Amino acid sequence: MPTQHQVLAEGRWFTLSLAEQMGNIGSEVNRTISWRQKGNAEFAENAFVRSIELLDLTLADERWRGPKRKEVARVRESWCESMEEKQSTGVFDLGLSRYLDHFAVMARSQKGL
């Protein structure tokens, strides 16, 4: 499968803080949820694949060890389980979205935006 985030995969991803990485993952998660709610399975699947790619890049980041890496792995596992559900209640999706949104806010505040 071709890499969707080629520039990030080539090394740029590893220059971002954990908050920036998780915030970017959150953007793809939110896209997935939005397309899923709109009933567009193809676009939802594409956004999901991109979110998994970013989670995998984060797991490959050697800076995140121990509890940080375990937390990212838990997010990935739970997100995959949520996408496998045929009739999602949306409760987990909403919780994950809110969780990841906090990282986006943190990343913005770190950058002074």
PDB file of N, CA and C in Angstrom:
ATOM      1  N   MET A   1       0.839  -1.176   0.000  1.00  0.00           N
ATOM      2  CA  MET A   1       0.000   0.000   0.000  1.00  0.00           C
ATOM      3  C   MET A   1       0.888   1.246   0.000  1.00  0.00           C
ATOM      4  N   PRO A   2       0.626   2.208  -0.873  1.00  0.00           N
ATOM      5  CA  PRO A   2       1.458   3.406  -0.924  1.00  0.00           C
ATOM      6  C   PRO A   2       1.279   4.265   0.330  1.00  0.00           C
ATOM      7  N   THR A   3       2.332   4.969   0.686  1.00  0.00           N
ATOM      8  CA  THR A   3       2.306   5.855   1.834  1.00  0.00           C
ATOM      9  C   THR A   3       1.509   7.105   1.496  1.00  0.00           C
ATOM     10  N   GLN A   4       0.559   7.439   2.344  1.00  0.00           N
ATOM     11  CA  GLN A   4      -0.268   8.621   2.130  1.00  0.00           C
ATOM     12  C   GLN A   4       0.451   9.898   2.580  1.00  0.00           C
ATOM     13  N   HIS A   5       1.261   9.780   3.586  1.00  0.00           N
ATOM     14  CA  HIS A   5       1.972  10.929   4.145  1.00  0.00           C
ATOM     15  C   HIS A   5       3.476  10.791   3.843  1.00  0.00           C
ATOM     16  N   GLN A   6       3.816  10.836   2.577  1.00  0.00           N
ATOM     17  CA  GLN A   6       5.179  10.564   2.132  1.00  0.00           C
ATOM     18  C   GLN A   6       6.206  11.482   2.795  1.00  0.00           C
ATOM     19  N   VAL A   7       5.948  12.786   2.814  1.00  0.00           N
ATOM     20  CA  VAL A   7       6.911  13.735   3.386  1.00  0.00           C
ATOM     21  C   VAL A   7       7.107  13.460   4.874  1.00  0.00           C
ATOM     22  N   LEU A   8       6.025  13.189   5.557  1.00  0.00           N
ATOM     23  CA  LEU A   8       6.127  12.893   6.988  1.00  0.00           C
ATOM     24  C   LEU A   8       6.880  11.597   7.224  1.00  0.00           C
ATOM     25  N   ALA A   9       6.600  10.600   6.418  1.00  0.00           N
ATOM     26  CA  ALA A   9       7.259   9.296   6.569  1.00  0.00           C
ATOM     27  C   ALA A   9       8.747   9.373   6.282  1.00  0.00           C
ATOM     28  N   GLU A  10       9.145  10.334   5.472  1.00  0.00           N
ATOM     29  CA  GLU A  10      10.569  10.481   5.125  1.00  0.00           C
ATOM     30  C   GLU A  10      11.374  11.158   6.225  1.00  0.00           C
ATOM     31  N   GLY A  11      10.739  11.521   7.328  1.00  0.00           N
ATOM     32  CA  GLY A  11      11.505  12.049   8.446  1.00  0.00           C
ATOM     33  C   GLY A  11      10.906  13.249   9.141  1.00  0.00           C
ATOM     34  N   ARG A  12      10.084  14.012   8.458  1.00  0.00           N
ATOM     35  CA  ARG A  12       9.524  15.212   9.080  1.00  0.00           C
ATOM     36  C   ARG A  12       8.696  14.878  10.309  1.00  0.00           C
ATOM     37  N   TRP A  13       7.994  13.755  10.288  1.00  0.00           N
ATOM     38  CA  TRP A  13       7.161  13.351  11.410  1.00  0.00           C
ATOM     39  C   TRP A  13       7.964  13.279  12.703  1.00  0.00           C
ATOM     40  N   PHE A  14       9.209  12.865  12.582  1.00  0.00           N
ATOM     41  CA  PHE A  14      10.051  12.656  13.753  1.00  0.00           C
ATOM     42  C   PHE A  14      10.640  13.949  14.304  1.00  0.00           C
ATOM     43  N   THR A  15      10.322  15.075  13.665  1.00  0.00           N
ATOM     44  CA  THR A  15      10.727  16.377  14.194  1.00  0.00           C
ATOM     45  C   THR A  15       9.594  17.032  14.978  1.00  0.00           C
ATOM     46  N   LEU A  16       8.408  16.460  14.919  1.00  0.00           N
ATOM     47  CA  LEU A  16       7.248  17.018  15.608  1.00  0.00           C
ATOM     48  C   LEU A  16       7.204  16.534  17.052  1.00  0.00           C
ATOM     49  N   SER A  17       6.647  17.372  17.923  1.00  0.00           N
ATOM     50  CA  SER A  17       6.457  16.959  19.318  1.00  0.00           C
ATOM     51  C   SER A  17       5.360  15.897  19.380  1.00  0.00           C
ATOM     52  N   LEU A  18       5.261  15.226  20.506  1.00  0.00           N
ATOM     53  CA  LEU A  18       4.208  14.226  20.674  1.00  0.00           C
ATOM     54  C   LEU A  18       2.835  14.887  20.553  1.00  0.00           C
ATOM     55  N   ALA A  19       2.690  16.080  21.111  1.00  0.00           N
ATOM     56  CA  ALA A  19       1.410  16.796  21.013  1.00  0.00           C
ATOM     57  C   ALA A  19       1.060  17.083  19.553  1.00  0.00           C
ATOM     58  N   GLU A  20       2.044  17.485  18.756  1.00  0.00           N
ATOM     59  CA  GLU A  20       1.800  17.752  17.334  1.00  0.00           C
ATOM     60  C   GLU A  20       1.439  16.463  16.591  1.00  0.00           C
ATOM     61  N   GLN A  21       2.149  15.394  16.890  1.00  0.00           N
ATOM     62  CA  GLN A  21       1.844  14.123  16.245  1.00  0.00           C
ATOM     63  C   GLN A  21       0.417  13.677  16.584  1.00  0.00           C
ATOM     64  N   MET A  22       0.077  13.704  17.865  1.00  0.00           N
ATOM     65  CA  MET A  22      -1.251  13.253  18.275  1.00  0.00           C
ATOM     66  C   MET A  22      -2.342  14.186  17.750  1.00  0.00           C
ATOM     67  N   GLY A  23      -2.057  15.471  17.672  1.00  0.00           N
ATOM     68  CA  GLY A  23      -3.020  16.413  17.105  1.00  0.00           C
ATOM     69  C   GLY A  23      -3.287  16.124  15.639  1.00  0.00           C
ATOM     70  N   ASN A  24      -2.247  15.797  14.895  1.00  0.00           N
ATOM     71  CA  ASN A  24      -2.407  15.437  13.484  1.00  0.00           C
ATOM     72  C   ASN A  24      -3.172  14.123  13.328  1.00  0.00           C
ATOM     73  N   ILE A  25      -2.900  13.178  14.192  1.00  0.00           N
ATOM     74  CA  ILE A  25      -3.657  11.928  14.188  1.00  0.00           C
ATOM     75  C   ILE A  25      -5.132  12.239  14.443  1.00  0.00           C
ATOM     76  N   GLY A  26      -5.369  13.139  15.373  1.00  0.00           N
ATOM     77  CA  GLY A  26      -6.734  13.540  15.688  1.00  0.00           C
ATOM     78  C   GLY A  26      -7.473  14.112  14.489  1.00  0.00           C
ATOM     79  N   SER A  27      -6.766  14.841  13.635  1.00  0.00           N
ATOM     80  CA  SER A  27      -7.394  15.390  12.428  1.00  0.00           C
ATOM     81  C   SER A  27      -7.899  14.270  11.526  1.00  0.00           C
ATOM     82  N   GLU A  28      -7.088  13.237  11.360  1.00  0.00           N
ATOM     83  CA  GLU A  28      -7.512  12.107  10.516  1.00  0.00           C
ATOM     84  C   GLU A  28      -8.622  11.310  11.186  1.00  0.00           C
ATOM     85  N   VAL A  29      -8.564  11.170  12.498  1.00  0.00           N
ATOM     86  CA  VAL A  29      -9.635  10.484  13.224  1.00  0.00           C
ATOM     87  C   VAL A  29     -10.940  11.251  13.043  1.00  0.00           C
ATOM     88  N   ASN A  30     -10.888  12.570  13.194  1.00  0.00           N
ATOM     89  CA  ASN A  30     -12.095  13.379  13.028  1.00  0.00           C
ATOM     90  C   ASN A  30     -12.635  13.292  11.606  1.00  0.00           C
ATOM     91  N   ARG A  31     -11.758  13.243  10.610  1.00  0.00           N
ATOM     92  CA  ARG A  31     -12.212  13.063   9.232  1.00  0.00           C
ATOM     93  C   ARG A  31     -12.905  11.718   9.059  1.00  0.00           C
ATOM     94  N   THR A  32     -12.308  10.694   9.645  1.00  0.00           N
ATOM     95  CA  THR A  32     -12.904   9.356   9.568  1.00  0.00           C
ATOM     96  C   THR A  32     -14.307   9.358  10.166  1.00  0.00           C
ATOM     97  N   ILE A  33     -14.428   9.914  11.352  1.00  0.00           N
ATOM     98  CA  ILE A  33     -15.718   9.960  12.038  1.00  0.00           C
ATOM     99  C   ILE A  33     -16.733  10.743  11.213  1.00  0.00           C
ATOM    100  N   SER A  34     -16.311  11.876  10.687  1.00  0.00           N
ATOM    101  CA  SER A  34     -17.213  12.715   9.903  1.00  0.00           C
ATOM    102  C   SER A  34     -17.728  11.989   8.663  1.00  0.00           C
ATOM    103  N   TRP A  35     -16.811  11.358   7.920  1.00  0.00           N
ATOM    104  CA  TRP A  35     -17.224  10.623   6.714  1.00  0.00           C
ATOM    105  C   TRP A  35     -18.081   9.422   7.071  1.00  0.00           C
ATOM    106  N   ARG A  36     -17.767   8.787   8.177  1.00  0.00           N
ATOM    107  CA  ARG A  36     -18.557   7.642   8.632  1.00  0.00           C
ATOM    108  C   ARG A  36     -19.994   8.074   8.942  1.00  0.00           C
ATOM    109  N   GLN A  37     -20.138   9.227   9.612  1.00  0.00           N
ATOM    110  CA  GLN A  37     -21.464   9.744   9.960  1.00  0.00           C
ATOM    111  C   GLN A  37     -22.244  10.146   8.703  1.00  0.00           C
ATOM    112  N   LYS A  38     -21.521  10.601   7.687  1.00  0.00           N
ATOM    113  CA  LYS A  38     -22.172  11.003   6.437  1.00  0.00           C
ATOM    114  C   LYS A  38     -22.488   9.806   5.540  1.00  0.00           C
ATOM    115  N   GLY A  39     -22.047   8.627   5.950  1.00  0.00           N
ATOM    116  CA  GLY A  39     -22.334   7.418   5.187  1.00  0.00           C
ATOM    117  C   GLY A  39     -21.424   7.194   3.999  1.00  0.00           C
ATOM    118  N   ASN A  40     -20.285   7.882   3.951  1.00  0.00           N
ATOM    119  CA  ASN A  40     -19.348   7.704   2.848  1.00  0.00           C
ATOM    120  C   ASN A  40     -18.244   6.739   3.293  1.00  0.00           C
ATOM    121  N   ALA A  41     -18.480   5.456   3.074  1.00  0.00           N
ATOM    122  CA  ALA A  41     -17.563   4.415   3.543  1.00  0.00           C
ATOM    123  C   ALA A  41     -16.185   4.520   2.901  1.00  0.00           C
ATOM    124  N   GLU A  42     -16.123   4.881   1.633  1.00  0.00           N
ATOM    125  CA  GLU A  42     -14.832   4.962   0.945  1.00  0.00           C
ATOM    126  C   GLU A  42     -13.954   6.059   1.543  1.00  0.00           C
ATOM    127  N   PHE A  43     -14.506   7.251   1.723  1.00  0.00           N
ATOM    128  CA  PHE A  43     -13.728   8.350   2.287  1.00  0.00           C
ATOM    129  C   PHE A  43     -13.368   8.075   3.746  1.00  0.00           C
ATOM    130  N   ALA A  44     -14.303   7.442   4.478  1.00  0.00           N
ATOM    131  CA  ALA A  44     -14.027   7.085   5.874  1.00  0.00           C
ATOM    132  C   ALA A  44     -12.864   6.102   5.947  1.00  0.00           C
ATOM    133  N   GLU A  45     -12.867   5.114   5.064  1.00  0.00           N
ATOM    134  CA  GLU A  45     -11.789   4.118   5.040  1.00  0.00           C
ATOM    135  C   GLU A  45     -10.450   4.770   4.696  1.00  0.00           C
ATOM    136  N   ASN A  46     -10.448   5.680   3.730  1.00  0.00           N
ATOM    137  CA  ASN A  46      -9.207   6.373   3.355  1.00  0.00           C
ATOM    138  C   ASN A  46      -8.650   7.183   4.525  1.00  0.00           C
ATOM    139  N   ALA A  47      -9.518   7.901   5.235  1.00  0.00           N
ATOM    140  CA  ALA A  47      -9.074   8.685   6.388  1.00  0.00           C
ATOM    141  C   ALA A  47      -8.593   7.764   7.506  1.00  0.00           C
ATOM    142  N   PHE A  48      -9.283   6.638   7.683  1.00  0.00           N
ATOM    143  CA  PHE A  48      -8.866   5.662   8.697  1.00  0.00           C
ATOM    144  C   PHE A  48      -7.462   5.136   8.393  1.00  0.00           C
ATOM    145  N   VAL A  49      -7.213   4.786   7.139  1.00  0.00           N
ATOM    146  CA  VAL A  49      -5.887   4.290   6.736  1.00  0.00           C
ATOM    147  C   VAL A  49      -4.821   5.344   7.028  1.00  0.00           C
ATOM    148  N   ARG A  50      -5.127   6.592   6.727  1.00  0.00           N
ATOM    149  CA  ARG A  50      -4.168   7.669   7.012  1.00  0.00           C
ATOM    150  C   ARG A  50      -3.922   7.798   8.518  1.00  0.00           C
ATOM    151  N   SER A  51      -4.982   7.661   9.320  1.00  0.00           N
ATOM    152  CA  SER A  51      -4.812   7.774  10.774  1.00  0.00           C
ATOM    153  C   SER A  51      -3.939   6.638  11.307  1.00  0.00           C
ATOM    154  N   ILE A  52      -4.126   5.439  10.785  1.00  0.00           N
ATOM    155  CA  ILE A  52      -3.308   4.299  11.208  1.00  0.00           C
ATOM    156  C   ILE A  52      -1.853   4.498  10.788  1.00  0.00           C
ATOM    157  N   GLU A  53      -1.668   5.031   9.586  1.00  0.00           N
ATOM    158  CA  GLU A  53      -0.300   5.301   9.132  1.00  0.00           C
ATOM    159  C   GLU A  53       0.399   6.270  10.094  1.00  0.00           C
ATOM    160  N   LEU A  54      -0.297   7.314  10.516  1.00  0.00           N
ATOM    161  CA  LEU A  54       0.305   8.280  11.436  1.00  0.00           C
ATOM    162  C   LEU A  54       0.528   7.661  12.818  1.00  0.00           C
ATOM    163  N   LEU A  55      -0.387   6.839  13.269  1.00  0.00           N
ATOM    164  CA  LEU A  55      -0.175   6.143  14.542  1.00  0.00           C
ATOM    165  C   LEU A  55       1.048   5.235  14.461  1.00  0.00           C
ATOM    166  N   ASP A  56       1.200   4.536  13.341  1.00  0.00           N
ATOM    167  CA  ASP A  56       2.367   3.663  13.167  1.00  0.00           C
ATOM    168  C   ASP A  56       3.670   4.458  13.129  1.00  0.00           C
ATOM    169  N   LEU A  57       3.638   5.617  12.483  1.00  0.00           N
ATOM    170  CA  LEU A  57       4.832   6.475  12.479  1.00  0.00           C
ATOM    171  C   LEU A  57       5.170   6.929  13.899  1.00  0.00           C
ATOM    172  N   THR A  58       4.155   7.248  14.680  1.00  0.00           N
ATOM    173  CA  THR A  58       4.379   7.670  16.066  1.00  0.00           C
ATOM    174  C   THR A  58       4.944   6.518  16.889  1.00  0.00           C
ATOM    175  N   LEU A  59       4.416   5.325  16.676  1.00  0.00           N
ATOM    176  CA  LEU A  59       4.954   4.160  17.389  1.00  0.00           C
ATOM    177  C   LEU A  59       6.397   3.872  16.998  1.00  0.00           C
ATOM    178  N   ALA A  60       6.780   4.229  15.787  1.00  0.00           N
ATOM    179  CA  ALA A  60       8.148   4.008  15.319  1.00  0.00           C
ATOM    180  C   ALA A  60       9.108   5.087  15.804  1.00  0.00           C
ATOM    181  N   ASP A  61       8.583   6.158  16.367  1.00  0.00           N
ATOM    182  CA  ASP A  61       9.416   7.277  16.838  1.00  0.00           C
ATOM    183  C   ASP A  61      10.174   6.838  18.089  1.00  0.00           C
ATOM    184  N   GLU A  62      11.473   6.772  17.992  1.00  0.00           N
ATOM    185  CA  GLU A  62      12.322   6.279  19.086  1.00  0.00           C
ATOM    186  C   GLU A  62      12.287   7.180  20.323  1.00  0.00           C
ATOM    187  N   ARG A  63      11.795   8.402  20.185  1.00  0.00           N
ATOM    188  CA  ARG A  63      11.740   9.296  21.353  1.00  0.00           C
ATOM    189  C   ARG A  63      10.670   8.868  22.345  1.00  0.00           C
ATOM    190  N   TRP A  64       9.657   8.182  21.872  1.00  0.00           N
ATOM    191  CA  TRP A  64       8.534   7.821  22.747  1.00  0.00           C
ATOM    192  C   TRP A  64       8.708   6.378  23.223  1.00  0.00           C
ATOM    193  N   ARG A  65       9.098   6.253  24.454  1.00  0.00           N
ATOM    194  CA  ARG A  65       9.322   4.932  25.053  1.00  0.00           C
ATOM    195  C   ARG A  65       8.438   4.796  26.285  1.00  0.00           C
ATOM    196  N   GLY A  66       8.314   3.601  26.749  1.00  0.00           N
ATOM    197  CA  GLY A  66       7.582   3.344  27.988  1.00  0.00           C
ATOM    198  C   GLY A  66       6.116   3.723  27.898  1.00  0.00           C
ATOM    199  N   PRO A  67       5.624   4.467  28.899  1.00  0.00           N
ATOM    200  CA  PRO A  67       4.199   4.784  28.969  1.00  0.00           C
ATOM    201  C   PRO A  67       3.666   5.556  27.758  1.00  0.00           C
ATOM    202  N   LYS A  68       4.469   6.419  27.182  1.00  0.00           N
ATOM    203  CA  LYS A  68       4.010   7.175  26.009  1.00  0.00           C
ATOM    204  C   LYS A  68       3.723   6.245  24.833  1.00  0.00           C
ATOM    205  N   ARG A  69       4.650   5.355  24.573  1.00  0.00           N
ATOM    206  CA  ARG A  69       4.456   4.409  23.472  1.00  0.00           C
ATOM    207  C   ARG A  69       3.280   3.471  23.756  1.00  0.00           C
ATOM    208  N   LYS A  70       3.156   3.033  24.999  1.00  0.00           N
ATOM    209  CA  LYS A  70       2.039   2.160  25.363  1.00  0.00           C
ATOM    210  C   LYS A  70       0.706   2.866  25.159  1.00  0.00           C
ATOM    211  N   GLU A  71       0.644   4.144  25.494  1.00  0.00           N
ATOM    212  CA  GLU A  71      -0.600   4.901  25.321  1.00  0.00           C
ATOM    213  C   GLU A  71      -0.959   5.022  23.841  1.00  0.00           C
ATOM    214  N   VAL A  72       0.033   5.299  23.013  1.00  0.00           N
ATOM    215  CA  VAL A  72      -0.213   5.396  21.565  1.00  0.00           C
ATOM    216  C   VAL A  72      -0.678   4.037  21.032  1.00  0.00           C
ATOM    217  N   ALA A  73      -0.062   2.968  21.509  1.00  0.00           N
ATOM    218  CA  ALA A  73      -0.460   1.626  21.078  1.00  0.00           C
ATOM    219  C   ALA A  73      -1.895   1.313  21.503  1.00  0.00           C
ATOM    220  N   ARG A  74      -2.282   1.761  22.698  1.00  0.00           N
ATOM    221  CA  ARG A  74      -3.668   1.554  23.157  1.00  0.00           C
ATOM    222  C   ARG A  74      -4.650   2.325  22.286  1.00  0.00           C
ATOM    223  N   VAL A  75      -4.279   3.549  21.936  1.00  0.00           N
ATOM    224  CA  VAL A  75      -5.133   4.353  21.056  1.00  0.00           C
ATOM    225  C   VAL A  75      -5.318   3.632  19.728  1.00  0.00           C
ATOM    226  N   ARG A  76      -4.223   3.136  19.165  1.00  0.00           N
ATOM    227  CA  ARG A  76      -4.300   2.439  17.869  1.00  0.00           C
ATOM    228  C   ARG A  76      -5.205   1.208  17.970  1.00  0.00           C
ATOM    229  N   GLU A  77      -4.988   0.408  18.995  1.00  0.00           N
ATOM    230  CA  GLU A  77      -5.770  -0.812  19.162  1.00  0.00           C
ATOM    231  C   GLU A  77      -7.265  -0.497  19.318  1.00  0.00           C
ATOM    232  N   SER A  78      -7.575   0.457  20.167  1.00  0.00           N
ATOM    233  CA  SER A  78      -8.973   0.817  20.402  1.00  0.00           C
ATOM    234  C   SER A  78      -9.619   1.423  19.167  1.00  0.00           C
ATOM    235  N   TRP A  79      -8.874   2.227  18.439  1.00  0.00           N
ATOM    236  CA  TRP A  79      -9.379   2.849  17.211  1.00  0.00           C
ATOM    237  C   TRP A  79      -9.690   1.772  16.170  1.00  0.00           C
ATOM    238  N   CYS A  80      -8.813   0.799  16.033  1.00  0.00           N
ATOM    239  CA  CYS A  80      -9.069  -0.303  15.093  1.00  0.00           C
ATOM    240  C   CYS A  80     -10.307  -1.088  15.503  1.00  0.00           C
ATOM    241  N   GLU A  81     -10.440  -1.359  16.788  1.00  0.00           N
ATOM    242  CA  GLU A  81     -11.621  -2.084  17.266  1.00  0.00           C
ATOM    243  C   GLU A  81     -12.900  -1.294  16.982  1.00  0.00           C
ATOM    244  N   SER A  82     -12.852   0.008  17.171  1.00  0.00           N
ATOM    245  CA  SER A  82     -14.014   0.853  16.901  1.00  0.00           C
ATOM    246  C   SER A  82     -14.408   0.799  15.434  1.00  0.00           C
ATOM    247  N   MET A  83     -13.427   0.798  14.557  1.00  0.00           N
ATOM    248  CA  MET A  83     -13.720   0.777  13.120  1.00  0.00           C
ATOM    249  C   MET A  83     -14.246  -0.581  12.670  1.00  0.00           C
ATOM    250  N   GLU A  84     -13.938  -1.639  13.420  1.00  0.00           N
ATOM    251  CA  GLU A  84     -14.421  -2.975  13.065  1.00  0.00           C
ATOM    252  C   GLU A  84     -15.890  -3.175  13.427  1.00  0.00           C
ATOM    253  N   GLU A  85     -16.408  -2.354  14.340  1.00  0.00           N
ATOM    254  CA  GLU A  85     -17.803  -2.479  14.749  1.00  0.00           C
ATOM    255  C   GLU A  85     -18.716  -2.143  13.581  1.00  0.00           C
ATOM    256  N   LYS A  86     -19.705  -2.968  13.363  1.00  0.00           N
ATOM    257  CA  LYS A  86     -20.647  -2.743  12.259  1.00  0.00           C
ATOM    258  C   LYS A  86     -21.606  -1.603  12.583  1.00  0.00           C
ATOM    259  N   GLN A  87     -22.095  -1.551  13.801  1.00  0.00           N
ATOM    260  CA  GLN A  87     -23.024  -0.512  14.225  1.00  0.00           C
ATOM    261  C   GLN A  87     -22.396   0.257  15.381  1.00  0.00           C
ATOM    262  N   SER A  88     -21.495   1.165  15.077  1.00  0.00           N
ATOM    263  CA  SER A  88     -20.826   1.934  16.108  1.00  0.00           C
ATOM    264  C   SER A  88     -21.814   2.867  16.801  1.00  0.00           C
ATOM    265  N   THR A  89     -21.729   2.918  18.127  1.00  0.00           N
ATOM    266  CA  THR A  89     -22.577   3.834  18.879  1.00  0.00           C
ATOM    267  C   THR A  89     -22.040   5.249  18.824  1.00  0.00           C
ATOM    268  N   GLY A  90     -20.782   5.396  18.462  1.00  0.00           N
ATOM    269  CA  GLY A  90     -20.179   6.717  18.388  1.00  0.00           C
ATOM    270  C   GLY A  90     -19.626   7.205  19.711  1.00  0.00           C
ATOM    271  N   VAL A  91     -19.912   6.501  20.793  1.00  0.00           N
ATOM    272  CA  VAL A  91     -19.446   6.934  22.110  1.00  0.00           C
ATOM    273  C   VAL A  91     -17.926   6.922  22.166  1.00  0.00           C
ATOM    274  N   PHE A  92     -17.325   5.825  21.726  1.00  0.00           N
ATOM    275  CA  PHE A  92     -15.860   5.759  21.734  1.00  0.00           C
ATOM    276  C   PHE A  92     -15.286   6.794  20.781  1.00  0.00           C
ATOM    277  N   ASP A  93     -15.878   6.915  19.588  1.00  0.00           N
ATOM    278  CA  ASP A  93     -15.381   7.875  18.604  1.00  0.00           C
ATOM    279  C   ASP A  93     -15.346   9.281  19.185  1.00  0.00           C
ATOM    280  N   LEU A  94     -16.419   9.676  19.858  1.00  0.00           N
ATOM    281  CA  LEU A  94     -16.495  11.006  20.452  1.00  0.00           C
ATOM    282  C   LEU A  94     -15.436  11.175  21.528  1.00  0.00           C
ATOM    283  N   GLY A  95     -15.272  10.156  22.363  1.00  0.00           N
ATOM    284  CA  GLY A  95     -14.262  10.223  23.413  1.00  0.00           C
ATOM    285  C   GLY A  95     -12.856  10.313  22.851  1.00  0.00           C
ATOM    286  N   LEU A  96     -12.565   9.525  21.826  1.00  0.00           N
ATOM    287  CA  LEU A  96     -11.239   9.562  21.204  1.00  0.00           C
ATOM    288  C   LEU A  96     -11.004  10.913  20.545  1.00  0.00           C
ATOM    289  N   SER A  97     -12.006  11.423  19.875  1.00  0.00           N
ATOM    290  CA  SER A  97     -11.891  12.727  19.229  1.00  0.00           C
ATOM    291  C   SER A  97     -11.555  13.806  20.259  1.00  0.00           C
ATOM    292  N   ARG A  98     -12.266  13.811  21.356  1.00  0.00           N
ATOM    293  CA  ARG A  98     -12.010  14.800  22.418  1.00  0.00           C
ATOM    294  C   ARG A  98     -10.614  14.622  23.004  1.00  0.00           C
ATOM    295  N   TYR A  99     -10.234  13.385  23.236  1.00  0.00           N
ATOM    296  CA  TYR A  99      -8.901  13.086  23.781  1.00  0.00           C
ATOM    297  C   TYR A  99      -7.811  13.650  22.868  1.00  0.00           C
ATOM    298  N   LEU A 100      -7.927  13.391  21.567  1.00  0.00           N
ATOM    299  CA  LEU A 100      -6.909  13.848  20.622  1.00  0.00           C
ATOM    300  C   LEU A 100      -6.977  15.353  20.394  1.00  0.00           C
ATOM    301  N   ASP A 101      -8.156  15.941  20.507  1.00  0.00           N
ATOM    302  CA  ASP A 101      -8.284  17.398  20.362  1.00  0.00           C
ATOM    303  C   ASP A 101      -7.463  18.133  21.418  1.00  0.00           C
ATOM    304  N   HIS A 102      -7.346  17.547  22.595  1.00  0.00           N
ATOM    305  CA  HIS A 102      -6.540  18.171  23.653  1.00  0.00           C
ATOM    306  C   HIS A 102      -5.075  18.295  23.225  1.00  0.00           C
ATOM    307  N   PHE A 103      -4.592  17.309  22.484  1.00  0.00           N
ATOM    308  CA  PHE A 103      -3.213  17.373  21.999  1.00  0.00           C
ATOM    309  C   PHE A 103      -3.051  18.493  20.979  1.00  0.00           C
ATOM    310  N   ALA A 104      -4.045  18.680  20.112  1.00  0.00           N
ATOM    311  CA  ALA A 104      -3.981  19.752  19.119  1.00  0.00           C
ATOM    312  C   ALA A 104      -3.927  21.111  19.814  1.00  0.00           C
ATOM    313  N   VAL A 105      -4.742  21.275  20.844  1.00  0.00           N
ATOM    314  CA  VAL A 105      -4.741  22.534  21.606  1.00  0.00           C
ATOM    315  C   VAL A 105      -3.385  22.728  22.281  1.00  0.00           C
ATOM    316  N   MET A 106      -2.846  21.658  22.857  1.00  0.00           N
ATOM    317  CA  MET A 106      -1.542  21.735  23.510  1.00  0.00           C
ATOM    318  C   MET A 106      -0.450  22.110  22.506  1.00  0.00           C
ATOM    319  N   ALA A 107      -0.481  21.500  21.335  1.00  0.00           N
ATOM    320  CA  ALA A 107       0.524  21.790  20.315  1.00  0.00           C
ATOM    321  C   ALA A 107       0.452  23.252  19.888  1.00  0.00           C
ATOM    322  N   ARG A 108      -0.759  23.765  19.710  1.00  0.00           N
ATOM    323  CA  ARG A 108      -0.917  25.175  19.336  1.00  0.00           C
ATOM    324  C   ARG A 108      -0.385  26.085  20.417  1.00  0.00           C
ATOM    325  N   SER A 109      -0.662  25.761  21.673  1.00  0.00           N
ATOM    326  CA  SER A 109      -0.202  26.629  22.774  1.00  0.00           C
ATOM    327  C   SER A 109       1.317  26.579  22.894  1.00  0.00           C
ATOM    328  N   GLN A 110       1.933  25.440  22.579  1.00  0.00           N
ATOM    329  CA  GLN A 110       3.389  25.323  22.616  1.00  0.00           C
ATOM    330  C   GLN A 110       4.035  26.167  21.529  1.00  0.00           C
ATOM    331  N   LYS A 111       3.345  26.312  20.404  1.00  0.00           N
ATOM    332  CA  LYS A 111       3.860  27.093  19.271  1.00  0.00           C
ATOM    333  C   LYS A 111       3.527  28.567  19.406  1.00  0.00           C
ATOM    334  N   GLY A 112       2.712  28.905  20.407  1.00  0.00           N
ATOM    335  CA  GLY A 112       2.331  30.294  20.601  1.00  0.00           C
ATOM    336  C   GLY A 112       1.311  30.788  19.588  1.00  0.00           C
ATOM    337  N   LEU A 113       0.504  29.867  19.037  1.00  0.00           N
ATOM    338  CA  LEU A 113      -0.506  30.249  18.054  1.00  0.00           C
ATOM    339  C   LEU A 113      -1.801  30.631  18.718  1.00  0.00           C
TER     340      LEU A 113
END
